Amino acid sequence: MLKKLAVIGFGSTMIGIGVNGFILPFQLINGGMFGISIVFNYLWHFSIGLTFVFLNIPVYLLAYKSDFDYFFYGMIGAVFSGFMIEFLMPLRDIFHLSIISSVIIGGLVVGIGVGTMLRNHISPGGMDLLALLLAKWTKINVGIIGFAIDAVIIIASLLLLQEPRLLYSLLIVSIVGLLATVITSYERS
């Protein structure tokens, strides 16, 4: 239990740093429920953290019916990740990098956080929980499933917001998906 809580703390903090420090300053998005929450923030100025937690409810109800451990630790992961997104908002004004540097660093930082949580069968959010459940049922790597879901969200956001800069977000989800795939594929010794 303590190990899982430490993983949630580490992963959520990495996600909060990556999103606030590197992704939001350029009005980009990442995938999953985080991405949808960020789009709601851009359109209607909704709180990213609170929106994230509320959007996760339907997926967590599904998880509750199919795997209580995924539900329990995923719910803690989602609440803590939403909190860290809000708590680390001051990071938006700290780093002053080029957009491509921010995309790469943000993708790496978020990918390490997400991958570490997924490796320990903890979901940082609804789409990642959905990816964990689908991976369990289909035996497809969770990182690949997550990347596919994230790519659909980015493309839909691109069509909705009509902002060409969001194409950089495809690079973010590619880096996050690649890292999550590598981290979850590595055999424990």
Protein backbone atom coordinates (compact mmCIF):
# COMPACT_ATOMS: atom_id res chain seq x y z
CA MET A 1 0.00 0.00 0.00
CA LEU A 2 2.77 2.48 0.89
CA LYS A 3 4.65 1.65 -2.29
CA LYS A 4 1.55 2.31 -4.39
CA LEU A 5 0.95 5.62 -2.61
CA ALA A 6 4.59 6.63 -3.23
CA VAL A 7 4.19 5.74 -6.91
CA ILE A 8 0.98 7.80 -7.08
CA GLY A 9 2.76 10.74 -5.44
CA PHE A 10 5.74 10.53 -7.79
CA GLY A 11 3.70 9.98 -10.95
CA SER A 12 1.16 12.70 -10.17
CA THR A 13 3.90 15.19 -9.38
CA MET A 14 5.66 14.42 -12.67
CA ILE A 15 2.38 14.87 -14.54
CA GLY A 16 1.74 18.19 -12.77
CA ILE A 17 5.24 19.44 -13.59
CA GLY A 18 5.08 18.34 -17.22
CA VAL A 19 1.62 19.77 -17.88
CA ASN A 20 2.07 23.09 -16.07
CA GLY A 21 5.73 23.71 -16.79
CA PHE A 22 5.93 22.70 -20.42
CA ILE A 23 2.56 21.98 -22.08
CA LEU A 24 0.16 24.70 -20.89
CA PRO A 25 2.48 27.68 -21.50
CA PHE A 26 2.14 27.04 -25.24
CA GLN A 27 -1.61 26.34 -25.11
CA LEU A 28 -1.02 22.71 -26.08
CA ILE A 29 -2.77 19.61 -24.77
CA ASN A 30 -1.82 16.10 -23.88
CA GLY A 31 -4.03 13.09 -24.26
CA GLY A 32 -6.65 11.37 -22.20
CA MET A 33 -8.91 13.03 -19.68
CA PHE A 34 -6.13 15.54 -19.04
CA GLY A 35 -6.35 16.63 -22.66
CA ILE A 36 -10.14 16.89 -22.57
CA SER A 37 -9.92 18.86 -19.30
CA ILE A 38 -7.40 21.23 -20.85
CA VAL A 39 -9.66 21.77 -23.89
CA PHE A 40 -12.54 22.62 -21.51
CA ASN A 41 -10.20 25.07 -19.78
CA TYR A 42 -9.28 26.72 -23.09
CA LEU A 43 -12.92 26.95 -24.21
CA TRP A 44 -14.75 27.77 -20.96
CA HIS A 45 -12.02 28.43 -18.35
CA PHE A 46 -13.03 25.39 -16.28
CA SER A 47 -10.59 24.25 -13.60
CA ILE A 48 -8.40 21.58 -15.18
CA GLY A 49 -8.01 19.54 -11.98
CA LEU A 50 -11.69 19.52 -11.01
CA THR A 51 -12.85 18.88 -14.57
CA PHE A 52 -10.37 16.01 -14.77
CA VAL A 53 -11.75 14.38 -11.61
CA PHE A 54 -15.39 14.76 -12.73
CA LEU A 55 -14.73 13.44 -16.26
CA ASN A 56 -13.21 10.32 -14.73
CA ILE A 57 -16.37 9.25 -12.90
CA PRO A 58 -17.89 7.09 -15.71
CA VAL A 59 -14.65 5.18 -16.30
CA TYR A 60 -14.20 4.59 -12.57
CA LEU A 61 -17.72 3.21 -12.32
CA LEU A 62 -16.76 0.72 -15.05
CA ALA A 63 -13.56 -0.15 -13.19
CA TYR A 64 -15.47 -0.62 -9.94
CA LYS A 65 -17.54 -3.33 -11.60
CA SER A 66 -14.59 -5.10 -13.22
CA ASP A 67 -11.51 -4.71 -10.99
CA PHE A 68 -11.71 -3.17 -7.52
CA ASP A 69 -7.92 -2.66 -7.19
CA TYR A 70 -7.78 -0.71 -10.46
CA PHE A 71 -10.77 1.32 -9.25
CA PHE A 72 -9.35 2.02 -5.79
CA TYR A 73 -5.80 3.00 -6.74
CA GLY A 74 -6.98 4.68 -9.92
CA MET A 75 -9.39 6.88 -7.98
CA ILE A 76 -6.59 7.91 -5.61
CA GLY A 77 -4.33 8.50 -8.65
CA ALA A 78 -6.92 10.65 -10.40
CA VAL A 79 -7.69 12.80 -7.36
CA PHE A 80 -4.02 13.30 -6.55
CA SER A 81 -3.14 14.00 -10.21
CA GLY A 82 -5.97 16.56 -10.42
CA PHE A 83 -4.71 18.15 -7.21
CA MET A 84 -1.12 18.31 -8.49
CA ILE A 85 -2.26 19.93 -11.74
CA GLU A 86 -3.89 22.71 -9.70
CA PHE A 87 -1.15 22.92 -7.04
CA LEU A 88 1.68 23.24 -9.57
CA MET A 89 -0.02 25.93 -11.72
CA PRO A 90 2.68 28.50 -10.75
CA LEU A 91 5.12 26.49 -12.90
CA ARG A 92 3.44 27.95 -16.01
CA ASP A 93 5.65 31.02 -15.73
CA ILE A 94 8.92 29.38 -14.68
CA PHE A 95 10.44 27.80 -17.78
CA HIS A 96 11.07 29.85 -20.90
CA LEU A 97 11.97 27.40 -23.65
CA SER A 98 11.19 27.07 -27.32
CA ILE A 99 7.99 25.25 -28.18
CA ILE A 100 9.80 22.15 -29.47
CA SER A 101 11.97 21.95 -26.33
CA SER A 102 8.88 22.29 -24.14
CA VAL A 103 7.04 19.62 -26.12
CA ILE A 104 9.92 17.16 -25.79
CA ILE A 105 10.65 17.84 -22.12
CA GLY A 106 6.95 17.98 -21.21
CA GLY A 107 6.31 14.69 -23.02
CA LEU A 108 9.26 13.05 -21.26
CA VAL A 109 8.25 14.28 -17.80
CA VAL A 110 4.58 13.33 -18.23
CA GLY A 111 5.57 10.01 -19.86
CA ILE A 112 7.77 9.07 -16.90
CA GLY A 113 4.93 9.88 -14.50
CA VAL A 114 2.27 8.02 -16.48
CA GLY A 115 4.54 5.08 -17.32
CA THR A 116 5.61 4.64 -13.69
CA MET A 117 2.02 4.60 -12.52
CA LEU A 118 0.86 2.22 -15.27
CA ARG A 119 3.79 -0.13 -14.59
CA ASN A 120 2.46 -0.48 -11.05
CA HIS A 121 -1.11 -1.03 -12.29
CA ILE A 122 -2.20 2.41 -11.14
CA SER A 123 -4.08 4.78 -13.39
CA PRO A 124 -3.44 8.50 -13.29
CA GLY A 125 -6.75 9.11 -15.03
CA GLY A 126 -9.80 7.76 -16.81
CA MET A 127 -8.41 7.05 -20.25
CA ASP A 128 -5.33 5.44 -18.74
CA LEU A 129 -7.60 3.33 -16.55
CA LEU A 130 -9.61 2.41 -19.63
CA ALA A 131 -6.32 1.51 -21.37
CA LEU A 132 -5.29 -0.62 -18.36
CA LEU A 133 -8.61 -2.48 -18.45
CA LEU A 134 -8.43 -2.97 -22.23
CA ALA A 135 -4.83 -4.20 -21.93
CA LYS A 136 -5.91 -6.69 -19.27
CA TRP A 137 -8.74 -7.97 -21.47
CA THR A 138 -6.88 -7.97 -24.81
CA LYS A 139 -3.20 -8.50 -23.86
CA ILE A 140 -2.21 -5.47 -26.00
CA ASN A 141 0.43 -3.27 -24.35
CA VAL A 142 -1.19 -0.53 -22.27
CA GLY A 143 1.11 2.13 -23.78
CA ILE A 144 -0.06 1.32 -27.31
CA ILE A 145 -3.72 1.45 -26.32
CA GLY A 146 -3.16 4.73 -24.47
CA PHE A 147 -1.40 6.27 -27.46
CA ALA A 148 -4.26 5.32 -29.79
CA ILE A 149 -6.84 6.89 -27.47
CA ASP A 150 -4.70 10.01 -27.01
CA ALA A 151 -4.18 10.46 -30.75
CA VAL A 152 -7.95 10.41 -31.32
CA ILE A 153 -8.42 13.06 -28.60
CA ILE A 154 -5.70 15.30 -30.09
CA ILE A 155 -7.12 15.04 -33.61
CA ALA A 156 -10.64 15.79 -32.34
CA SER A 157 -9.28 18.79 -30.40
CA LEU A 158 -7.46 20.00 -33.48
CA LEU A 159 -10.70 19.87 -35.45
CA LEU A 160 -12.68 21.53 -32.62
CA LEU A 161 -10.25 24.33 -31.74
CA GLN A 162 -8.83 24.73 -35.27
CA GLU A 163 -5.42 25.64 -33.88
CA PRO A 164 -2.55 24.28 -36.03
CA ARG A 165 -0.16 24.56 -33.07
CA LEU A 166 -1.99 21.59 -31.55
CA LEU A 167 -0.13 19.38 -34.02
CA TYR A 168 2.73 19.62 -31.52
CA SER A 169 0.42 17.80 -29.12
CA LEU A 170 0.70 14.70 -31.33
CA LEU A 171 4.42 14.73 -30.55
CA ILE A 172 3.64 15.01 -26.83
CA VAL A 173 1.32 11.99 -26.86
CA SER A 174 3.81 10.07 -29.01
CA ILE A 175 6.56 10.65 -26.44
CA VAL A 176 4.24 9.84 -23.52
CA GLY A 177 2.95 6.71 -25.31
CA LEU A 178 6.47 5.55 -26.19
CA LEU A 179 7.74 6.04 -22.65
CA ALA A 180 4.67 4.33 -21.16
CA THR A 181 5.17 1.40 -23.55
CA VAL A 182 8.87 1.09 -22.70
CA ILE A 183 8.38 1.49 -18.94
CA THR A 184 5.51 -1.02 -18.80
CA SER A 185 7.31 -3.52 -21.08
CA TYR A 186 10.57 -3.66 -19.14
CA GLU A 187 10.81 -6.93 -17.22
CA ARG A 188 11.33 -6.66 -13.48
CA SER A 189 14.50 -8.34 -12.29
